[in-house]
Amino acid sequence: MQTVILGAGGMLGRALGREFPEAERFTRAALDITDGAALRAALGPETRLVLNAAADTRVDAAESDPHHVLVNFVAVGALAAHCRKLDATLVHASTDYVFSGKGIRPYREDDPVDPVNAYGRAKLMGERRAFEEGLEVLVVRTSWVFGMGGVNFVDTILKRVEGGARDLSVVNDQVSRPTFAADLAAGIRRLVDRRVTGVVHFANAGDATWFELASEALAREGRTDVLVRPVPTSAFPRPARRPPWSVLDTSLYERLTGGVPRSWREALCDYLADRRAAAPARPAS
């Protein structure tokens, strides 16, 4: 049995590589999942599990660049169809942005979907096409992912401060559940080991705004010299709308696996430790 990780160079892909060390890994540079011929060549008859961490997550660019549809929708359907021919299970990562943000409680897997931006619409279409084309499909929705190996909000904030910023304005009226890529990958491993299919939500415990996440990261790094100001979404006009409330309910995951996601604050500490360990050594004075 062979396991394949697609998008192995990103945050989730790298974390999945640690959870599935036996897997064959393809980065975006090595394999473009929109290239059907390359995809079929990479997934041989011995492939039994495909972990798809490849995605175009440029939410604002998605409003005007149709490329994201090829990655997040069209390629997912082709991948699911090929997995069906191979009798392989497909695990596909999706997003909280399939929801409108008008909810008043955490979103369950069977709640109505109504994305408010092009990125969310393409990811939702990708989910649906995967189930239409594939037999054994697991879609794991998650939210606000941070981790090593990719662009993420926590790293962006810290880089601004490391670059000299001392006064930051951060949005405080969007709420979700921040998620550490390493914990997401471990959650996927638990679901795969139990042969779960369908749609399952995974996110670290506890909700937060972007302001709260930024403030916590800076506090953990001892950056008391930085002023963080809470501001409304309207202070930062963006091409794509964001759901104001996209908190995911993870009780199904907990029932299926017997595991409870740890708090995002605890997970953030581990990420910051990883980030410090990976930082280049400073020259001796």
Protein backbone atom coordinates (compact mmCIF):
# COMPACT_ATOMS: atom_id res chain seq x y z
CA MET A 1 0.00 0.00 0.00
CA GLN A 2 1.32 3.41 -0.96
CA THR A 3 0.43 6.77 0.55
CA VAL A 4 0.92 9.96 -1.46
CA ILE A 5 0.95 13.54 -0.16
CA LEU A 6 0.16 16.31 -2.65
CA GLY A 7 1.17 19.86 -1.76
CA ALA A 8 3.87 18.45 0.49
CA GLY A 9 5.82 21.70 0.73
CA GLY A 10 3.13 23.77 2.45
CA MET A 11 2.11 24.05 6.08
CA LEU A 12 -0.30 21.11 6.12
CA GLY A 13 1.74 19.08 3.64
CA ARG A 14 4.87 19.29 5.78
CA ALA A 15 2.92 18.35 8.89
CA LEU A 16 1.32 15.40 7.11
CA GLY A 17 4.80 14.24 6.14
CA ARG A 18 5.63 13.88 9.82
CA GLU A 19 2.41 11.96 10.52
CA PHE A 20 2.82 9.72 7.45
CA PRO A 21 6.61 9.26 7.20
CA GLU A 22 6.19 6.37 4.76
CA ALA A 23 4.38 8.57 2.22
CA GLU A 24 5.69 9.61 -1.16
CA ARG A 25 5.65 13.40 -1.22
CA PHE A 26 5.07 15.81 -4.09
CA THR A 27 5.56 19.53 -3.66
CA ARG A 28 3.83 22.03 -5.94
CA ALA A 29 7.09 22.40 -7.88
CA ALA A 30 7.31 18.65 -8.40
CA LEU A 31 3.66 18.09 -9.33
CA ASP A 32 1.03 20.54 -10.51
CA ILE A 33 -2.28 18.90 -9.58
CA THR A 34 -4.00 20.71 -12.45
CA ASP A 35 -1.87 18.65 -14.85
CA GLY A 36 -3.97 15.53 -15.30
CA ALA A 37 -1.29 13.53 -17.11
CA ALA A 38 1.29 14.27 -14.41
CA LEU A 39 -1.22 13.36 -11.72
CA ARG A 40 -2.02 10.02 -13.32
CA ALA A 41 1.68 9.29 -13.71
CA ALA A 42 2.37 10.06 -10.04
CA LEU A 43 -0.45 7.92 -8.67
CA GLY A 44 0.34 4.36 -9.62
CA PRO A 45 -1.78 1.20 -9.24
CA GLU A 46 -0.29 0.57 -5.80
CA THR A 47 -1.57 3.90 -4.41
CA ARG A 48 -4.20 3.39 -1.72
CA LEU A 49 -4.26 6.71 0.14
CA VAL A 50 -3.94 10.21 -1.30
CA LEU A 51 -3.64 13.17 1.07
CA ASN A 52 -4.41 16.35 -0.83
CA ALA A 53 -2.92 19.40 0.87
CA ALA A 54 -2.54 21.28 -2.40
CA ALA A 55 -4.64 24.44 -2.60
CA ASP A 56 -4.66 28.00 -3.85
CA THR A 57 -5.39 29.91 -0.64
CA ARG A 58 -5.02 33.43 -2.03
CA VAL A 59 -8.44 34.55 -0.86
CA ASP A 60 -8.32 38.06 -2.27
CA ALA A 61 -6.69 37.05 -5.56
CA ALA A 62 -9.45 34.50 -6.08
CA GLU A 63 -11.90 37.32 -6.75
CA SER A 64 -10.18 38.12 -10.05
CA ASP A 65 -7.80 35.24 -10.87
CA PRO A 66 -9.59 32.13 -12.20
CA HIS A 67 -6.54 29.92 -11.56
CA HIS A 68 -7.80 29.13 -8.07
CA VAL A 69 -10.82 27.36 -9.60
CA LEU A 70 -8.53 24.93 -11.42
CA VAL A 71 -6.71 24.02 -8.19
CA ASN A 72 -9.54 24.13 -5.66
CA PHE A 73 -12.33 22.69 -7.80
CA VAL A 74 -11.48 21.18 -11.19
CA ALA A 75 -8.33 19.32 -10.11
CA VAL A 76 -10.05 17.95 -7.01
CA GLY A 77 -12.70 16.29 -9.14
CA ALA A 78 -10.11 14.78 -11.46
CA LEU A 79 -8.13 13.57 -8.46
CA ALA A 80 -11.18 11.94 -6.88
CA ALA A 81 -12.07 10.21 -10.16
CA HIS A 82 -8.55 8.83 -10.47
CA CYS A 83 -8.57 7.64 -6.85
CA ARG A 84 -11.82 5.83 -7.60
CA LYS A 85 -10.18 3.95 -10.47
CA LEU A 86 -7.30 3.00 -8.19
CA ASP A 87 -9.61 2.00 -5.32
CA ALA A 88 -7.73 4.58 -3.23
CA THR A 89 -9.03 6.78 -0.43
CA LEU A 90 -8.83 10.53 -0.99
CA VAL A 91 -8.39 12.91 1.94
CA HIS A 92 -9.01 16.53 0.97
CA ALA A 93 -8.56 19.65 3.10
CA SER A 94 -11.27 22.29 2.94
CA THR A 95 -12.19 25.49 4.74
CA ASP A 96 -14.50 27.30 7.15
CA TYR A 97 -15.07 29.81 4.34
CA VAL A 98 -17.77 27.55 2.88
CA PHE A 99 -20.03 29.19 5.49
CA SER A 100 -21.57 32.66 5.30
CA GLY A 101 -20.67 33.75 8.82
CA LYS A 102 -24.29 34.49 9.75
CA GLY A 103 -24.44 31.64 12.27
CA ILE A 104 -24.97 32.08 15.99
CA ARG A 105 -23.38 28.80 17.12
CA PRO A 106 -20.40 26.77 15.90
CA TYR A 107 -21.01 25.29 12.45
CA ARG A 108 -21.69 21.57 12.23
CA GLU A 109 -20.86 19.46 9.19
CA ASP A 110 -24.50 19.32 8.03
CA ASP A 111 -25.26 23.02 8.44
CA PRO A 112 -26.26 24.94 5.29
CA VAL A 113 -23.32 26.29 3.30
CA ASP A 114 -23.31 29.73 1.71
CA PRO A 115 -19.82 31.09 0.95
CA VAL A 116 -19.44 34.86 0.65
CA ASN A 117 -16.31 34.91 -1.53
CA ALA A 118 -14.92 33.22 -4.64
CA TYR A 119 -12.39 31.19 -2.67
CA GLY A 120 -15.09 29.67 -0.48
CA ARG A 121 -17.28 28.92 -3.50
CA ALA A 122 -14.47 27.10 -5.30
CA LYS A 123 -13.56 25.08 -2.20
CA LEU A 124 -17.20 24.11 -1.76
CA MET A 125 -17.46 23.06 -5.40
CA GLY A 126 -14.29 21.02 -4.89
CA GLU A 127 -15.87 19.22 -1.93
CA ARG A 128 -18.98 18.41 -3.91
CA ARG A 129 -17.12 17.25 -6.99
CA ALA A 130 -14.91 14.99 -4.85
CA PHE A 131 -17.96 13.18 -3.49
CA GLU A 132 -19.53 13.00 -6.96
CA GLU A 133 -16.40 11.49 -8.52
CA GLY A 134 -14.97 9.41 -5.67
CA LEU A 135 -16.10 6.49 -3.54
CA GLU A 136 -13.85 6.71 -0.49
CA VAL A 137 -13.53 10.44 0.27
CA LEU A 138 -12.80 12.29 3.51
CA VAL A 139 -13.11 16.07 3.48
CA VAL A 140 -11.64 17.78 6.54
CA ARG A 141 -12.70 21.40 6.99
CA THR A 142 -10.46 23.58 9.10
CA SER A 143 -9.83 27.25 9.87
CA TRP A 144 -7.13 29.89 10.26
CA VAL A 145 -4.19 27.53 9.87
CA PHE A 146 -0.72 28.49 11.09
CA GLY A 147 2.46 26.43 10.96
CA MET A 148 5.89 26.06 9.45
CA GLY A 149 6.32 26.10 5.71
CA GLY A 150 3.86 28.66 4.45
CA VAL A 151 2.37 32.12 4.68
CA ASN A 152 0.21 32.50 7.77
CA PHE A 153 -1.19 35.32 9.88
CA VAL A 154 0.96 34.72 12.98
CA ASP A 155 4.16 34.75 10.97
CA THR A 156 3.06 37.87 9.10
CA ILE A 157 2.44 39.75 12.35
CA LEU A 158 5.74 38.68 13.88
CA LYS A 159 7.70 39.57 10.74
CA ARG A 160 6.21 43.05 10.78
CA VAL A 161 7.35 43.51 14.36
CA GLU A 162 10.76 42.01 13.64
CA GLY A 163 10.99 44.50 10.80
CA GLY A 164 10.49 47.41 13.20
CA ALA A 165 6.72 47.92 13.46
CA ARG A 166 5.61 49.00 16.92
CA ASP A 167 2.01 50.07 16.29
CA LEU A 168 -0.34 47.55 14.65
CA SER A 169 -4.05 47.72 13.81
CA VAL A 170 -5.68 44.28 13.68
CA VAL A 171 -9.24 43.25 12.82
CA ASN A 172 -11.33 42.40 15.86
CA ASP A 173 -14.75 41.53 14.40
CA GLN A 174 -14.01 38.25 12.60
CA VAL A 175 -14.18 35.14 14.79
CA SER A 176 -12.99 31.59 14.14
CA ARG A 177 -10.84 28.82 15.64
CA PRO A 178 -7.09 29.16 14.95
CA THR A 179 -5.54 25.82 14.02
CA PHE A 180 -1.95 24.55 14.22
CA ALA A 181 -1.03 22.59 11.08
CA ALA A 182 0.71 19.91 13.15
CA ASP A 183 -2.47 19.29 15.17
CA LEU A 184 -4.57 19.23 12.00
CA ALA A 185 -2.27 16.61 10.48
CA ALA A 186 -2.44 14.50 13.64
CA GLY A 187 -6.23 14.77 13.55
CA ILE A 188 -6.26 13.61 9.95
CA ARG A 189 -4.07 10.66 10.90
CA ARG A 190 -6.59 9.63 13.56
CA LEU A 191 -9.46 9.84 11.09
CA VAL A 192 -7.57 7.86 8.45
CA ASP A 193 -6.64 5.16 10.95
CA ARG A 194 -10.37 4.78 11.72
CA ARG A 195 -11.26 4.73 8.01
CA VAL A 196 -13.62 7.68 8.39
CA THR A 197 -15.18 9.15 5.25
CA GLY A 198 -17.54 12.06 4.67
CA VAL A 199 -17.12 15.60 5.98
CA VAL A 200 -15.47 16.23 9.36
CA HIS A 201 -14.48 19.50 11.03
CA PHE A 202 -11.15 19.89 12.83
CA ALA A 203 -9.78 23.00 14.55
CA ASN A 204 -8.00 23.76 17.78
CA ALA A 205 -10.25 24.49 20.73
CA GLY A 206 -11.40 27.99 21.57
CA ASP A 207 -12.46 30.82 19.31
CA ALA A 208 -10.60 34.07 18.72
CA THR A 209 -10.48 37.20 16.62
CA TRP A 210 -7.44 38.16 14.55
CA PHE A 211 -6.72 40.82 17.17
CA GLU A 212 -6.74 38.23 19.96
CA LEU A 213 -4.52 35.88 17.99
CA ALA A 214 -2.01 38.64 17.23
CA SER A 215 -2.01 39.86 20.83
CA GLU A 216 -1.43 36.35 22.18
CA ALA A 217 1.44 35.68 19.77
CA LEU A 218 3.17 38.94 20.67
CA ALA A 219 2.67 38.35 24.38
CA ARG A 220 4.14 34.85 24.12
CA GLU A 221 7.15 36.34 22.35
CA GLY A 222 7.57 38.95 25.08
CA ARG A 223 6.92 41.86 22.71
CA THR A 224 5.47 44.24 25.27
CA ASP A 225 6.92 47.11 23.23
CA VAL A 226 4.25 46.71 20.53
CA LEU A 227 0.87 48.44 20.64
CA VAL A 228 -1.92 46.39 19.03
CA ARG A 229 -5.11 48.29 18.23
CA PRO A 230 -8.43 46.47 17.61
CA VAL A 231 -10.22 47.75 14.50
CA PRO A 232 -13.29 46.69 12.46
CA THR A 233 -13.05 44.84 9.17
CA SER A 234 -14.13 48.03 7.43
CA ALA A 235 -10.76 49.58 8.34
CA PHE A 236 -9.09 47.23 5.86
CA PRO A 237 -11.13 47.10 2.62
CA ARG A 238 -10.27 43.90 0.75
CA PRO A 239 -11.40 42.46 -2.59
CA ALA A 240 -12.93 39.39 -0.89
CA ARG A 241 -15.51 39.46 1.87
CA ARG A 242 -14.79 37.41 4.99
CA PRO A 243 -17.38 35.60 7.09
CA PRO A 244 -17.62 37.43 10.43
CA TRP A 245 -18.27 34.15 12.29
CA SER A 246 -16.77 30.89 11.01
CA VAL A 247 -16.31 28.89 14.22
CA LEU A 248 -16.35 25.16 13.48
CA ASP A 249 -17.99 22.58 15.72
CA THR A 250 -15.59 19.65 16.22
CA SER A 251 -17.86 17.38 18.26
CA LEU A 252 -18.19 14.89 15.38
CA TYR A 253 -14.41 14.55 15.20
CA GLU A 254 -14.33 14.03 18.96
CA ARG A 255 -16.98 11.29 18.81
CA LEU A 256 -15.29 9.52 15.91
CA THR A 257 -11.76 9.54 17.32
CA GLY A 258 -12.16 9.91 21.07
CA GLY A 259 -9.71 12.81 20.90
CA VAL A 260 -10.33 16.41 21.90
CA PRO A 261 -8.39 19.18 20.11
CA ARG A 262 -6.19 21.16 22.48
CA SER A 263 -6.55 24.91 22.85
CA TRP A 264 -5.17 27.14 20.12
CA ARG A 265 -3.18 29.02 22.77
CA GLU A 266 -1.32 25.86 23.76
CA ALA A 267 -0.76 24.95 20.11
CA LEU A 268 0.48 28.48 19.40
CA CYS A 269 3.24 28.01 21.98
CA ASP A 270 4.50 24.96 20.10
CA TYR A 271 4.42 26.80 16.78
CA LEU A 272 6.37 29.73 18.22
CA ALA A 273 8.95 27.31 19.61
CA ASP A 274 9.27 25.70 16.15
CA ARG A 275 9.62 29.13 14.58
CA ARG A 276 12.37 30.17 17.00
CA ALA A 277 14.23 26.90 16.43
CA ALA A 278 14.14 27.45 12.67
CA ALA A 279 15.32 31.06 12.83
CA PRO A 280 18.88 31.68 11.57
CA ALA A 281 21.41 32.09 14.34
CA ARG A 282 22.38 35.66 15.11
CA PRO A 283 26.06 36.50 14.68
CA ALA A 284 27.99 36.83 17.90
CA SER A 285 28.53 40.44 19.01
